C-alpha atoms as a PDB file:
ATOM      1  CA  MET A   1      -0.005   0.014   0.008  1.00  0.00           C
ATOM      2  CA  SER A   2       1.330   3.412  -0.917  1.00  0.00           C
ATOM      3  CA  LEU A   3       1.840   5.863   1.980  1.00  0.00           C
ATOM      4  CA  THR A   4       1.780   9.624   2.093  1.00  0.00           C
ATOM      5  CA  PHE A   5       4.673  11.471   3.777  1.00  0.00           C
ATOM      6  CA  LEU A   6       5.995  14.854   4.891  1.00  0.00           C
ATOM      7  CA  ASP A   7       9.671  15.683   4.295  1.00  0.00           C
ATOM      8  CA  PHE A   8      11.150  17.730   7.190  1.00  0.00           C
ATOM      9  CA  PHE A   9      14.719  19.162   7.143  1.00  0.00           C
ATOM     10  CA  ALA A  10      14.378  18.186   3.488  1.00  0.00           C
ATOM     11  CA  GLY A  11      17.653  19.416   2.048  1.00  0.00           C
ATOM     12  CA  ILE A  12      17.477  18.582  -1.684  1.00  0.00           C
ATOM     13  CA  GLY A  13      15.034  15.746  -1.211  1.00  0.00           C
ATOM     14  CA  GLY A  14      17.012  12.533  -0.675  1.00  0.00           C
ATOM     15  CA  PHE A  15      14.267  11.203   1.598  1.00  0.00           C
ATOM     16  CA  ARG A  16      11.633  12.280  -0.925  1.00  0.00           C
ATOM     17  CA  ARG A  17      13.265  10.585  -3.943  1.00  0.00           C
ATOM     18  CA  GLY A  18      13.995   7.362  -2.091  1.00  0.00           C
ATOM     19  CA  MET A  19      10.371   7.180  -0.772  1.00  0.00           C
ATOM     20  CA  GLU A  20       9.000   8.000  -4.223  1.00  0.00           C
ATOM     21  CA  LEU A  21      11.068   5.216  -5.801  1.00  0.00           C
ATOM     22  CA  ALA A  22       9.526   2.882  -3.214  1.00  0.00           C
ATOM     23  CA  GLY A  23       6.041   3.936  -4.340  1.00  0.00           C
ATOM     24  CA  HIS A  24       5.121   6.485  -1.692  1.00  0.00           C
ATOM     25  CA  LYS A  25       3.746  10.033  -2.215  1.00  0.00           C
ATOM     26  CA  CYS A  26       5.112  13.309  -0.738  1.00  0.00           C
ATOM     27  CA  ILE A  27       2.556  15.915   0.220  1.00  0.00           C
ATOM     28  CA  GLY A  28       4.793  18.643   1.626  1.00  0.00           C
ATOM     29  CA  PHE A  29       8.251  19.683   2.824  1.00  0.00           C
ATOM     30  CA  CYS A  30      10.086  21.941   5.182  1.00  0.00           C
ATOM     31  CA  GLU A  31      13.573  23.364   4.621  1.00  0.00           C
ATOM     32  CA  TRP A  32      15.358  26.418   6.051  1.00  0.00           C
ATOM     33  CA  ASP A  33      18.283  26.876   3.634  1.00  0.00           C
ATOM     34  CA  LYS A  34      17.121  28.886   0.614  1.00  0.00           C
ATOM     35  CA  PHE A  35      19.692  27.405  -1.717  1.00  0.00           C
ATOM     36  CA  ALA A  36      18.541  23.897  -0.837  1.00  0.00           C
ATOM     37  CA  VAL A  37      14.964  25.022  -1.427  1.00  0.00           C
ATOM     38  CA  MET A  38      15.970  26.210  -4.900  1.00  0.00           C
ATOM     39  CA  SER A  39      17.440  22.842  -5.777  1.00  0.00           C
ATOM     40  CA  TYR A  40      14.550  20.931  -4.180  1.00  0.00           C
ATOM     41  CA  THR A  41      11.969  22.971  -6.133  1.00  0.00           C
ATOM     42  CA  SER A  42      13.781  22.586  -9.411  1.00  0.00           C
ATOM     43  CA  MET A  43      14.399  18.826  -8.859  1.00  0.00           C
ATOM     44  CA  HIS A  44      10.931  17.850  -7.707  1.00  0.00           C
ATOM     45  CA  LEU A  45       8.238  20.460  -8.164  1.00  0.00           C
ATOM     46  CA  ILE A  46       8.395  22.691 -11.211  1.00  0.00           C
ATOM     47  CA  THR A  47       6.766  21.884 -14.563  1.00  0.00           C
ATOM     48  CA  GLU A  48       8.728  21.721 -17.815  1.00  0.00           C
ATOM     49  CA  ASP A  49       7.146  24.952 -18.936  1.00  0.00           C
ATOM     50  CA  GLN A  50       8.312  26.636 -15.741  1.00  0.00           C
ATOM     51  CA  ARG A  51      11.811  25.203 -16.269  1.00  0.00           C
ATOM     52  CA  GLN A  52      12.020  26.623 -19.788  1.00  0.00           C
ATOM     53  CA  LEU A  53      10.835  30.000 -18.477  1.00  0.00           C
ATOM     54  CA  LEU A  54      13.531  29.973 -15.728  1.00  0.00           C
ATOM     55  CA  LEU A  55      16.271  29.116 -18.213  1.00  0.00           C
ATOM     56  CA  GLN A  56      15.568  32.354 -20.069  1.00  0.00           C
ATOM     57  CA  LEU A  57      16.522  34.374 -16.938  1.00  0.00           C
ATOM     58  CA  PRO A  58      20.004  35.302 -15.692  1.00  0.00           C
ATOM     59  CA  ILE A  59      21.115  33.026 -12.820  1.00  0.00           C
ATOM     60  CA  LYS A  60      20.499  35.630 -10.112  1.00  0.00           C
ATOM     61  CA  HIS A  61      16.973  36.312 -11.318  1.00  0.00           C
ATOM     62  CA  ARG A  62      16.383  32.601 -11.743  1.00  0.00           C
ATOM     63  CA  GLN A  63      17.313  31.996  -8.124  1.00  0.00           C
ATOM     64  CA  LYS A  64      14.950  34.640  -6.880  1.00  0.00           C
ATOM     65  CA  GLU A  65      12.099  33.582  -9.182  1.00  0.00           C
ATOM     66  CA  ILE A  66      12.091  29.923  -8.235  1.00  0.00           C
ATOM     67  CA  LEU A  67      11.552  30.703  -4.541  1.00  0.00           C
ATOM     68  CA  LYS A  68       8.070  32.121  -5.404  1.00  0.00           C
ATOM     69  CA  GLU A  69       5.169  30.011  -4.192  1.00  0.00           C
ATOM     70  CA  GLU A  70       3.799  29.421  -7.706  1.00  0.00           C
ATOM     71  CA  TYR A  71       6.831  27.235  -8.527  1.00  0.00           C
ATOM     72  CA  ARG A  72       5.793  24.743  -5.765  1.00  0.00           C
ATOM     73  CA  ASN A  73       2.548  24.088  -7.680  1.00  0.00           C
ATOM     74  CA  GLY A  74       0.332  23.782  -4.617  1.00  0.00           C
ATOM     75  CA  GLU A  75       2.518  21.562  -2.420  1.00  0.00           C
ATOM     76  CA  TRP A  76       2.630  22.440   1.273  1.00  0.00           C
ATOM     77  CA  TYR A  77       5.853  24.190   2.343  1.00  0.00           C
ATOM     78  CA  ALA A  78       7.345  25.750   5.519  1.00  0.00           C
ATOM     79  CA  ASN A  79      10.791  27.277   5.816  1.00  0.00           C
ATOM     80  CA  ASP A  80      11.143  27.069   9.606  1.00  0.00           C
ATOM     81  CA  ILE A  81      10.080  24.075  11.636  1.00  0.00           C
ATOM     82  CA  ARG A  82       9.972  26.246  14.726  1.00  0.00           C
ATOM     83  CA  THR A  83       7.131  28.382  13.376  1.00  0.00           C
ATOM     84  CA  VAL A  84       4.931  25.613  12.009  1.00  0.00           C
ATOM     85  CA  ASN A  85       1.363  25.559  13.352  1.00  0.00           C
ATOM     86  CA  VAL A  86      -0.010  22.052  13.726  1.00  0.00           C
ATOM     87  CA  ARG A  87      -3.312  23.219  12.327  1.00  0.00           C
ATOM     88  CA  ASP A  88      -1.568  23.983   9.027  1.00  0.00           C
ATOM     89  CA  LEU A  89       0.056  20.559   8.736  1.00  0.00           C
ATOM     90  CA  PRO A  90      -1.395  18.244   6.126  1.00  0.00           C
ATOM     91  CA  LYS A  91      -2.169  14.831   7.492  1.00  0.00           C
ATOM     92  CA  ALA A  92       0.431  12.198   6.432  1.00  0.00           C
ATOM     93  CA  ASP A  93       1.063   8.524   7.178  1.00  0.00           C
ATOM     94  CA  VAL A  94       4.927   9.026   7.627  1.00  0.00           C
ATOM     95  CA  TRP A  95       7.066  11.929   8.785  1.00  0.00           C
ATOM     96  CA  CYS A  96      10.599  11.733   7.302  1.00  0.00           C
ATOM     97  CA  PHE A  97      13.443  13.741   8.812  1.00  0.00           C
ATOM     98  CA  GLY A  98      17.177  13.763   9.157  1.00  0.00           C
ATOM     99  CA  PHE A  99      17.393  16.388  11.877  1.00  0.00           C
ATOM    100  CA  PRO A 100      20.534  18.553  11.894  1.00  0.00           C
ATOM    101  CA  CYS A 101      23.639  16.573  12.924  1.00  0.00           C
ATOM    102  CA  GLN A 102      26.177  19.384  13.406  1.00  0.00           C
ATOM    103  CA  ASP A 103      25.982  19.163  17.214  1.00  0.00           C
ATOM    104  CA  ILE A 104      26.294  15.357  17.100  1.00  0.00           C
ATOM    105  CA  SER A 105      28.841  14.668  14.361  1.00  0.00           C
ATOM    106  CA  ILE A 106      32.394  13.692  15.189  1.00  0.00           C
ATOM    107  CA  ALA A 107      33.448  16.688  13.070  1.00  0.00           C
ATOM    108  CA  GLY A 108      31.391  19.073  15.209  1.00  0.00           C
ATOM    109  CA  LYS A 109      31.570  20.157  18.885  1.00  0.00           C
ATOM    110  CA  ARG A 110      29.552  17.167  20.038  1.00  0.00           C
ATOM    111  CA  LEU A 111      27.128  19.222  22.059  1.00  0.00           C
ATOM    112  CA  GLY A 112      24.439  16.706  21.308  1.00  0.00           C
ATOM    113  CA  PHE A 113      20.919  17.793  22.171  1.00  0.00           C
ATOM    114  CA  ALA A 114      22.360  20.708  24.159  1.00  0.00           C
ATOM    115  CA  GLY A 115      23.171  22.278  20.742  1.00  0.00           C
ATOM    116  CA  LYS A 116      20.672  24.581  19.107  1.00  0.00           C
ATOM    117  CA  ARG A 117      20.501  22.701  15.788  1.00  0.00           C
ATOM    118  CA  SER A 118      20.241  19.080  16.880  1.00  0.00           C
ATOM    119  CA  SER A 119      17.755  19.983  19.602  1.00  0.00           C
ATOM    120  CA  LEU A 120      15.311  20.673  16.736  1.00  0.00           C
ATOM    121  CA  PHE A 121      14.428  17.023  17.071  1.00  0.00           C
ATOM    122  CA  PHE A 122      12.284  17.996  20.009  1.00  0.00           C
ATOM    123  CA  THR A 123      10.581  20.675  17.897  1.00  0.00           C
ATOM    124  CA  VAL A 124       9.301  17.868  15.704  1.00  0.00           C
ATOM    125  CA  THR A 125       8.124  15.725  18.618  1.00  0.00           C
ATOM    126  CA  GLY A 126       6.504  18.847  20.103  1.00  0.00           C
ATOM    127  CA  LEU A 127       4.370  19.135  16.973  1.00  0.00           C
ATOM    128  CA  ILE A 128       3.318  15.504  17.335  1.00  0.00           C
ATOM    129  CA  LYS A 129       2.346  16.079  20.959  1.00  0.00           C
ATOM    130  CA  ASP A 130       0.065  18.901  19.853  1.00  0.00           C
ATOM    131  CA  LEU A 131      -1.756  16.799  17.220  1.00  0.00           C
ATOM    132  CA  GLU A 132      -4.904  14.914  17.978  1.00  0.00           C
ATOM    133  CA  GLU A 133      -4.405  11.122  18.069  1.00  0.00           C
ATOM    134  CA  LYS A 134      -6.170  10.567  14.761  1.00  0.00           C
ATOM    135  CA  ASP A 135      -3.916  13.076  12.985  1.00  0.00           C
ATOM    136  CA  LYS A 136      -0.556  11.760  14.254  1.00  0.00           C
ATOM    137  CA  PRO A 137       1.677   9.995  11.673  1.00  0.00           C
ATOM    138  CA  SER A 138       1.615   6.201  11.884  1.00  0.00           C
ATOM    139  CA  MET A 139       5.302   6.084  11.257  1.00  0.00           C
ATOM    140  CA  LEU A 140       8.466   8.140  11.812  1.00  0.00           C
ATOM    141  CA  PHE A 141      11.466   7.665   9.500  1.00  0.00           C
ATOM    142  CA  ILE A 142      14.548   9.304  11.028  1.00  0.00           C
ATOM    143  CA  GLU A 143      18.252   9.516   9.945  1.00  0.00           C
ATOM    144  CA  ASN A 144      21.324  10.843  11.576  1.00  0.00           C
ATOM    145  CA  VAL A 145      25.061  10.283  11.960  1.00  0.00           C
ATOM    146  CA  LYS A 146      26.317   7.098  13.613  1.00  0.00           C
ATOM    147  CA  ASN A 147      27.702   9.157  16.462  1.00  0.00           C
ATOM    148  CA  LEU A 148      24.127   9.827  17.658  1.00  0.00           C
ATOM    149  CA  LEU A 149      24.402   6.401  19.391  1.00  0.00           C
ATOM    150  CA  SER A 150      27.364   7.365  21.451  1.00  0.00           C
ATOM    151  CA  VAL A 151      27.507  11.195  21.870  1.00  0.00           C
ATOM    152  CA  ASN A 152      27.439  12.225  25.501  1.00  0.00           C
ATOM    153  CA  ARG A 153      28.135   8.610  26.494  1.00  0.00           C
ATOM    154  CA  GLY A 154      24.884   7.452  24.863  1.00  0.00           C
ATOM    155  CA  LEU A 155      22.749   9.583  27.050  1.00  0.00           C
ATOM    156  CA  ASP A 156      21.358  11.689  24.233  1.00  0.00           C
ATOM    157  CA  PHE A 157      20.240   8.596  22.343  1.00  0.00           C
ATOM    158  CA  ALA A 158      18.513   7.405  25.457  1.00  0.00           C
ATOM    159  CA  LYS A 159      16.744  10.803  25.655  1.00  0.00           C
ATOM    160  CA  LEU A 160      15.652  10.285  22.035  1.00  0.00           C
ATOM    161  CA  LEU A 161      14.202   6.837  22.827  1.00  0.00           C
ATOM    162  CA  ILE A 162      12.471   8.099  25.945  1.00  0.00           C
ATOM    163  CA  GLU A 163      10.986  11.037  24.046  1.00  0.00           C
ATOM    164  CA  LEU A 164       9.615   8.834  21.302  1.00  0.00           C
ATOM    165  CA  ASP A 165       8.192   6.413  23.879  1.00  0.00           C
ATOM    166  CA  GLU A 166       6.440   9.196  25.724  1.00  0.00           C
ATOM    167  CA  ILE A 167       4.730  10.510  22.570  1.00  0.00           C
ATOM    168  CA  GLY A 168       3.523   6.997  21.791  1.00  0.00           C
ATOM    169  CA  TYR A 169       6.028   5.458  19.435  1.00  0.00           C
ATOM    170  CA  ASP A 170       7.779   2.073  19.590  1.00  0.00           C
ATOM    171  CA  VAL A 171      11.186   2.211  18.001  1.00  0.00           C
ATOM    172  CA  GLU A 172      13.701   0.100  16.054  1.00  0.00           C
ATOM    173  CA  TRP A 173      17.047   1.264  14.630  1.00  0.00           C
ATOM    174  CA  GLN A 174      19.975   0.129  12.568  1.00  0.00           C
ATOM    175  CA  VAL A 175      23.275   1.476  11.299  1.00  0.00           C
ATOM    176  CA  LEU A 176      23.635   1.133   7.493  1.00  0.00           C
ATOM    177  CA  ASN A 177      26.475   1.969   5.126  1.00  0.00           C
ATOM    178  CA  THR A 178      25.950   3.437   1.680  1.00  0.00           C
ATOM    179  CA  LYS A 179      28.711   1.237   0.262  1.00  0.00           C
ATOM    180  CA  ASP A 180      26.503  -1.784   0.885  1.00  0.00           C
ATOM    181  CA  PHE A 181      23.837  -0.523  -1.513  1.00  0.00           C
ATOM    182  CA  GLY A 182      25.746  -0.435  -4.759  1.00  0.00           C
ATOM    183  CA  ILE A 183      27.315   3.034  -4.407  1.00  0.00           C
ATOM    184  CA  PRO A 184      31.064   3.537  -3.826  1.00  0.00           C
ATOM    185  CA  GLN A 185      30.881   5.736  -0.774  1.00  0.00           C
ATOM    186  CA  SER A 186      31.581   4.623   2.785  1.00  0.00           C
ATOM    187  CA  ARG A 187      28.896   6.544   4.717  1.00  0.00           C
ATOM    188  CA  GLU A 188      27.548   5.057   7.982  1.00  0.00           C
ATOM    189  CA  ARG A 189      24.275   6.425   9.248  1.00  0.00           C
ATOM    190  CA  VAL A 190      21.757   5.340  11.919  1.00  0.00           C
ATOM    191  CA  PHE A 191      18.203   4.943  10.720  1.00  0.00           C
ATOM    192  CA  ILE A 192      15.329   4.923  13.222  1.00  0.00           C
ATOM    193  CA  ILE A 193      11.796   3.790  12.556  1.00  0.00           C
ATOM    194  CA  GLY A 194       9.002   4.752  14.981  1.00  0.00           C
ATOM    195  CA  PHE A 195       5.615   3.037  15.003  1.00  0.00           C
ATOM    196  CA  LEU A 196       2.641   4.783  16.602  1.00  0.00           C
ATOM    197  CA  ARG A 197       1.397   2.425  19.283  1.00  0.00           C
ATOM    198  CA  GLY A 198      -2.021   0.954  18.693  1.00  0.00           C
ATOM    199  CA  ARG A 199      -1.823   1.073  14.892  1.00  0.00           C
ATOM    200  CA  SER A 200      -0.653  -1.775  12.669  1.00  0.00           C
ATOM    201  CA  ARG A 201       3.130  -2.275  12.979  1.00  0.00           C
ATOM    202  CA  ARG A 202       5.276  -3.386  10.046  1.00  0.00           C
ATOM    203  CA  GLU A 203       8.557  -5.189  10.430  1.00  0.00           C
ATOM    204  CA  VAL A 204      11.034  -2.848   8.703  1.00  0.00           C
ATOM    205  CA  LEU A 205      14.435  -3.256  10.284  1.00  0.00           C
ATOM    206  CA  PRO A 206      16.894  -4.863   9.927  1.00  0.00           C
ATOM    207  CA  VAL A 207      17.476  -4.119   6.227  1.00  0.00           C
ATOM    208  CA  ARG A 208      20.243  -5.856   4.425  1.00  0.00           C
ATOM    209  CA  GLY A 209      22.406  -4.230   1.769  1.00  0.00           C
ATOM    210  CA  SER A 210      21.312  -4.738  -1.805  1.00  0.00           C
ATOM    211  CA  GLY A 211      24.349  -6.913  -2.534  1.00  0.00           C
ATOM    212  CA  CYS A 212      24.782  -5.398  -5.961  1.00  0.00           C
ATOM    213  CA  LYS A 213      28.134  -4.223  -7.245  1.00  0.00           C
ATOM    214  CA  ASN A 214      29.044  -0.594  -7.377  1.00  0.00           C
ATOM    215  CA  ASN A 215      27.094   0.428 -10.460  1.00  0.00           C
ATOM    216  CA  PHE A 216      27.144   4.202 -10.525  1.00  0.00           C
ATOM    217  CA  PRO A 217      29.148   5.972 -13.262  1.00  0.00           C
ATOM    218  CA  LEU A 218      31.428   7.598 -10.711  1.00  0.00           C
ATOM    219  CA  LEU A 219      34.815   8.051 -12.264  1.00  0.00           C
ATOM    220  CA  LYS A 220      37.046   7.266 -15.194  1.00  0.00           C
ATOM    221  CA  PRO A 221      40.180   6.822 -13.157  1.00  0.00           C
ATOM    222  CA  LYS A 222      42.581   6.096 -16.013  1.00  0.00           C
ATOM    223  CA  LYS A 223      41.653   9.291 -17.720  1.00  0.00           C
ATOM    224  CA  TYR A 224      42.105  12.815 -16.312  1.00  0.00           C
ATOM    225  CA  GLY A 225      38.728  14.027 -17.484  1.00  0.00           C
ATOM    226  CA  ASP A 226      36.976  17.116 -16.090  1.00  0.00           C
ATOM    227  CA  GLY A 227      38.030  18.590 -12.746  1.00  0.00           C
ATOM    228  CA  ILE A 228      40.621  20.590 -10.916  1.00  0.00           C
ATOM    229  CA  LEU A 229      44.267  19.574 -10.997  1.00  0.00           C
ATOM    230  CA  ILE A 230      45.545  19.655  -7.452  1.00  0.00           C
ATOM    231  CA  ARG A 231      49.183  18.671  -7.616  1.00  0.00           C
ATOM    232  CA  ASP A 232      51.455  15.886  -8.796  1.00  0.00           C
ATOM    233  CA  VAL A 233      51.282  12.573  -7.000  1.00  0.00           C
ATOM    234  CA  ASN A 234      54.740  11.508  -6.066  1.00  0.00           C
ATOM    235  CA  LYS A 235      55.930   8.205  -4.668  1.00  0.00           C
ATOM    236  CA  LYS A 236      57.075   9.758  -1.414  1.00  0.00           C
ATOM    237  CA  GLY A 237      53.853  11.542  -0.662  1.00  0.00           C
ATOM    238  CA  TYR A 238      51.306   9.029  -1.969  1.00  0.00           C
ATOM    239  CA  SER A 239      52.985   5.662  -1.775  1.00  0.00           C
ATOM    240  CA  LEU A 240      49.689   4.040  -0.724  1.00  0.00           C
ATOM    241  CA  ALA A 241      47.597   5.591  -3.466  1.00  0.00           C
ATOM    242  CA  GLU A 242      47.180   4.117  -6.941  1.00  0.00           C
ATOM    243  CA  VAL A 243      45.274   5.175 -10.052  1.00  0.00           C
ATOM    244  CA  GLY A 244      41.586   4.888  -9.228  1.00  0.00           C
ATOM    245  CA  ASP A 245      42.009   5.438  -5.445  1.00  0.00           C
ATOM    246  CA  SER A 246      40.302   8.311  -3.692  1.00  0.00           C
ATOM    247  CA  ILE A 247      42.097  10.736  -1.361  1.00  0.00           C
ATOM    248  CA  SER A 248      40.541  13.122   1.185  1.00  0.00           C
ATOM    249  CA  LEU A 249      42.020  16.568   0.606  1.00  0.00           C
ATOM    250  CA  ALA A 250      41.646  17.240   4.313  1.00  0.00           C
ATOM    251  CA  PHE A 251      44.519  14.854   4.978  1.00  0.00           C
ATOM    252  CA  LEU A 252      46.977  15.738   2.224  1.00  0.00           C
ATOM    253  CA  ASN A 253      49.795  16.451   4.693  1.00  0.00           C
ATOM    254  CA  SER A 254      49.102  13.450   6.886  1.00  0.00           C
ATOM    255  CA  LYS A 255      52.419  11.720   7.822  1.00  0.00           C
ATOM    256  CA  THR A 256      50.733   8.404   8.514  1.00  0.00           C
ATOM    257  CA  LYS A 257      48.334   8.538   5.514  1.00  0.00           C
ATOM    258  CA  ARG A 258      45.851   6.673   7.618  1.00  0.00           C
ATOM    259  CA  GLY A 259      42.200   7.108   6.673  1.00  0.00           C
ATOM    260  CA  ARG A 260      42.747   9.140   3.530  1.00  0.00           C
ATOM    261  CA  VAL A 261      43.096   6.580   0.795  1.00  0.00           C
ATOM    262  CA  GLY A 262      39.969   4.800  -0.369  1.00  0.00           C
ATOM    263  CA  LYS A 263      40.231   1.592  -2.366  1.00  0.00           C
ATOM    264  CA  GLY A 264      37.353   1.384  -4.850  1.00  0.00           C
ATOM    265  CA  LYS A 265      35.243   3.857  -2.835  1.00  0.00           C
ATOM    266  CA  VAL A 266      35.437   7.348  -1.356  1.00  0.00           C
ATOM    267  CA  HIS A 267      35.223   8.267   2.261  1.00  0.00           C
ATOM    268  CA  THR A 268      32.098   9.978   3.690  1.00  0.00           C
ATOM    269  CA  LEU A 269      31.207  13.080   1.782  1.00  0.00           C
ATOM    270  CA  THR A 270      31.101  16.230   3.882  1.00  0.00           C
ATOM    271  CA  THR A 271      29.625  19.656   3.054  1.00  0.00           C
ATOM    272  CA  ALA A 272      33.017  20.543   1.518  1.00  0.00           C
ATOM    273  CA  CYS A 273      33.088  17.331  -0.552  1.00  0.00           C
ATOM    274  CA  ASN A 274      36.864  17.509  -0.334  1.00  0.00           C
ATOM    275  CA  GLN A 275      37.528  14.232  -2.074  1.00  0.00           C
ATOM    276  CA  ALA A 276      39.955  13.703  -4.918  1.00  0.00           C
ATOM    277  CA  VAL A 277      40.762  10.761  -7.169  1.00  0.00           C
ATOM    278  CA  VAL A 278      44.116   9.595  -8.510  1.00  0.00           C
ATOM    279  CA  CYS A 279      44.091   9.797 -12.293  1.00  0.00           C
ATOM    280  CA  GLU A 280      46.574   9.793 -15.134  1.00  0.00           C
ATOM    281  CA  LYS A 281      47.416  12.513 -17.545  1.00  0.00           C
ATOM    282  CA  ASP A 282      50.165  12.095 -20.058  1.00  0.00           C
ATOM    283  CA  ARG A 283      51.095   8.882 -18.232  1.00  0.00           C
ATOM    284  CA  THR A 284      51.789  10.836 -15.080  1.00  0.00           C
ATOM    285  CA  PRO A 285      49.664  10.263 -11.938  1.00  0.00           C
ATOM    286  CA  LYS A 286      47.715  13.267 -10.867  1.00  0.00           C
ATOM    287  CA  ILE A 287      44.897  13.912  -8.425  1.00  0.00           C
ATOM    288  CA  ARG A 288      41.815  15.980  -9.084  1.00  0.00           C
ATOM    289  CA  LYS A 289      38.888  16.975  -6.904  1.00  0.00           C
ATOM    290  CA  LEU A 290      35.611  15.207  -7.539  1.00  0.00           C
ATOM    291  CA  THR A 291      33.109  17.261  -9.514  1.00  0.00           C
ATOM    292  CA  PRO A 292      29.703  18.214  -8.000  1.00  0.00           C
ATOM    293  CA  ARG A 293      28.112  15.850 -10.490  1.00  0.00           C
ATOM    294  CA  GLU A 294      30.155  12.929  -9.126  1.00  0.00           C
ATOM    295  CA  CYS A 295      29.296  13.858  -5.578  1.00  0.00           C
ATOM    296  CA  PHE A 296      25.603  13.764  -6.397  1.00  0.00           C
ATOM    297  CA  ARG A 297      26.120  10.347  -7.982  1.00  0.00           C
ATOM    298  CA  LEU A 298      27.733   9.230  -4.695  1.00  0.00           C
ATOM    299  CA  GLN A 299      24.469   9.997  -2.990  1.00  0.00           C
ATOM    300  CA  GLY A 300      22.442   7.978  -5.437  1.00  0.00           C
ATOM    301  CA  TRP A 301      21.268  10.830  -7.651  1.00  0.00           C
ATOM    302  CA  THR A 302      21.038  10.358 -11.411  1.00  0.00           C
ATOM    303  CA  ASP A 303      22.455  12.993 -13.707  1.00  0.00           C
ATOM    304  CA  TYR A 304      18.855  13.958 -14.622  1.00  0.00           C
ATOM    305  CA  TYR A 305      18.327  15.304 -11.075  1.00  0.00           C
ATOM    306  CA  PHE A 306      21.751  16.833 -10.861  1.00  0.00           C
ATOM    307  CA  ASP A 307      21.147  18.867 -14.032  1.00  0.00           C
ATOM    308  CA  LYS A 308      17.920  20.179 -12.523  1.00  0.00           C
ATOM    309  CA  ALA A 309      19.781  21.387  -9.381  1.00  0.00           C
ATOM    310  CA  ALA A 310      22.664  22.854 -11.370  1.00  0.00           C
ATOM    311  CA  ILE A 311      20.445  25.371 -13.194  1.00  0.00           C
ATOM    312  CA  VAL A 312      19.803  27.244  -9.981  1.00  0.00           C
ATOM    313  CA  ASN A 313      22.937  26.760  -7.827  1.00  0.00           C
ATOM    314  CA  SER A 314      26.715  27.293  -7.798  1.00  0.00           C
ATOM    315  CA  ASP A 315      29.253  24.453  -7.524  1.00  0.00           C
ATOM    316  CA  ASN A 316      29.896  25.421  -3.901  1.00  0.00           C
ATOM    317  CA  GLN A 317      26.221  25.086  -3.020  1.00  0.00           C
ATOM    318  CA  LEU A 318      25.978  21.768  -4.963  1.00  0.00           C
ATOM    319  CA  TYR A 319      28.918  20.331  -3.005  1.00  0.00           C
ATOM    320  CA  LYS A 320      27.276  21.425   0.284  1.00  0.00           C
ATOM    321  CA  GLN A 321      23.957  19.902  -0.730  1.00  0.00           C
ATOM    322  CA  ALA A 322      25.542  16.562  -1.704  1.00  0.00           C
ATOM    323  CA  GLY A 323      27.459  16.354   1.590  1.00  0.00           C
ATOM    324  CA  ASN A 324      24.431  17.264   3.711  1.00  0.00           C
ATOM    325  CA  GLY A 325      22.061  14.807   2.128  1.00  0.00           C
ATOM    326  CA  VAL A 326      20.933  11.228   2.620  1.00  0.00           C
ATOM    327  CA  THR A 327      21.751   8.504   0.121  1.00  0.00           C
ATOM    328  CA  VAL A 328      18.685   7.891  -2.081  1.00  0.00           C
ATOM    329  CA  LYS A 329      19.348   4.188  -2.563  1.00  0.00           C
ATOM    330  CA  VAL A 330      19.442   3.481   1.169  1.00  0.00           C
ATOM    331  CA  ILE A 331      16.164   5.306   1.801  1.00  0.00           C
ATOM    332  CA  GLN A 332      14.531   3.416  -1.112  1.00  0.00           C
ATOM    333  CA  ASN A 333      15.615   0.038   0.311  1.00  0.00           C
ATOM    334  CA  ILE A 334      14.190   0.803   3.709  1.00  0.00           C
ATOM    335  CA  ALA A 335      10.985   2.447   2.425  1.00  0.00           C
ATOM    336  CA  THR A 336      10.252  -0.549   0.190  1.00  0.00           C
ATOM    337  CA  LYS A 337       9.638  -2.559   3.361  1.00  0.00           C
ATOM    338  CA  PHE A 338       6.896  -0.143   4.438  1.00  0.00           C
ATOM    339  CA  HIS A 339       4.608  -1.977   2.086  1.00  0.00           C
ATOM    340  CA  HIS A 340       4.910  -5.320   3.922  1.00  0.00           C
END
């Protein structure tokens, strides 16, 4: 059975696309970042006639134009979860959200729920508390960084479980890695499914990887191709890296070289998407930064969707959007089990 869903902290719509591929229907979204809203609207909401109209405008005018309500073609939207009134929320079977992870991530200050951004989780549960029982979503579909399980010695994850229990949801969770779903990126994330007590409960987790080989057109490692030439790869500096390997530009000066060479896959994309690949040019090994298109592919997006985002955003924003998102293929695999 197809389910309806709302897409909170939507980014560019990784949850949305994965859910749609599994046969479910989005009825609204909420996103704060205006550049992400531009990409989201272009990727999922505008008509072809609207697209052609936008393409006739200079990029600055195009970005301003696409933020107008008419380009969302009637779909519910809110830009700030903190100001949403429950009376304005359309009723949906599932609420999807990867609440902000900056306060939880290993790369952040690890404030956990004491941080302003990650505490927005409780803004979502507050909305559910204010809904009448008949209007509450039957399921919650939540994603965050793996560190959510251990930040503040695990106390914050315990708070999350207690909060979901108190608002009436039974919970299951699992850590999944993008590389196990046919995409060459090592990206571990925890996925949490909440079931509203008293309604039918589906067995969703655990989910197993698809088992398929890496099948996305990521790189042409033996050819230099498009991209930015960083510097020569020499035997002394990159003795562990071979043509086709990926290197994190954040660790170029690492003396141990640990954790910066990926064999057949890249490390977790961040908002900087500072990954490079070892290539050859004129029979000389070089490294180049991955392109925004490649970073979108590493999150499971087809070039069709990347091209839609690229008409309204700069490379810097596209890198950020890829690194901030969820992997479409992982969402699809989980959401497919919602039918059973």
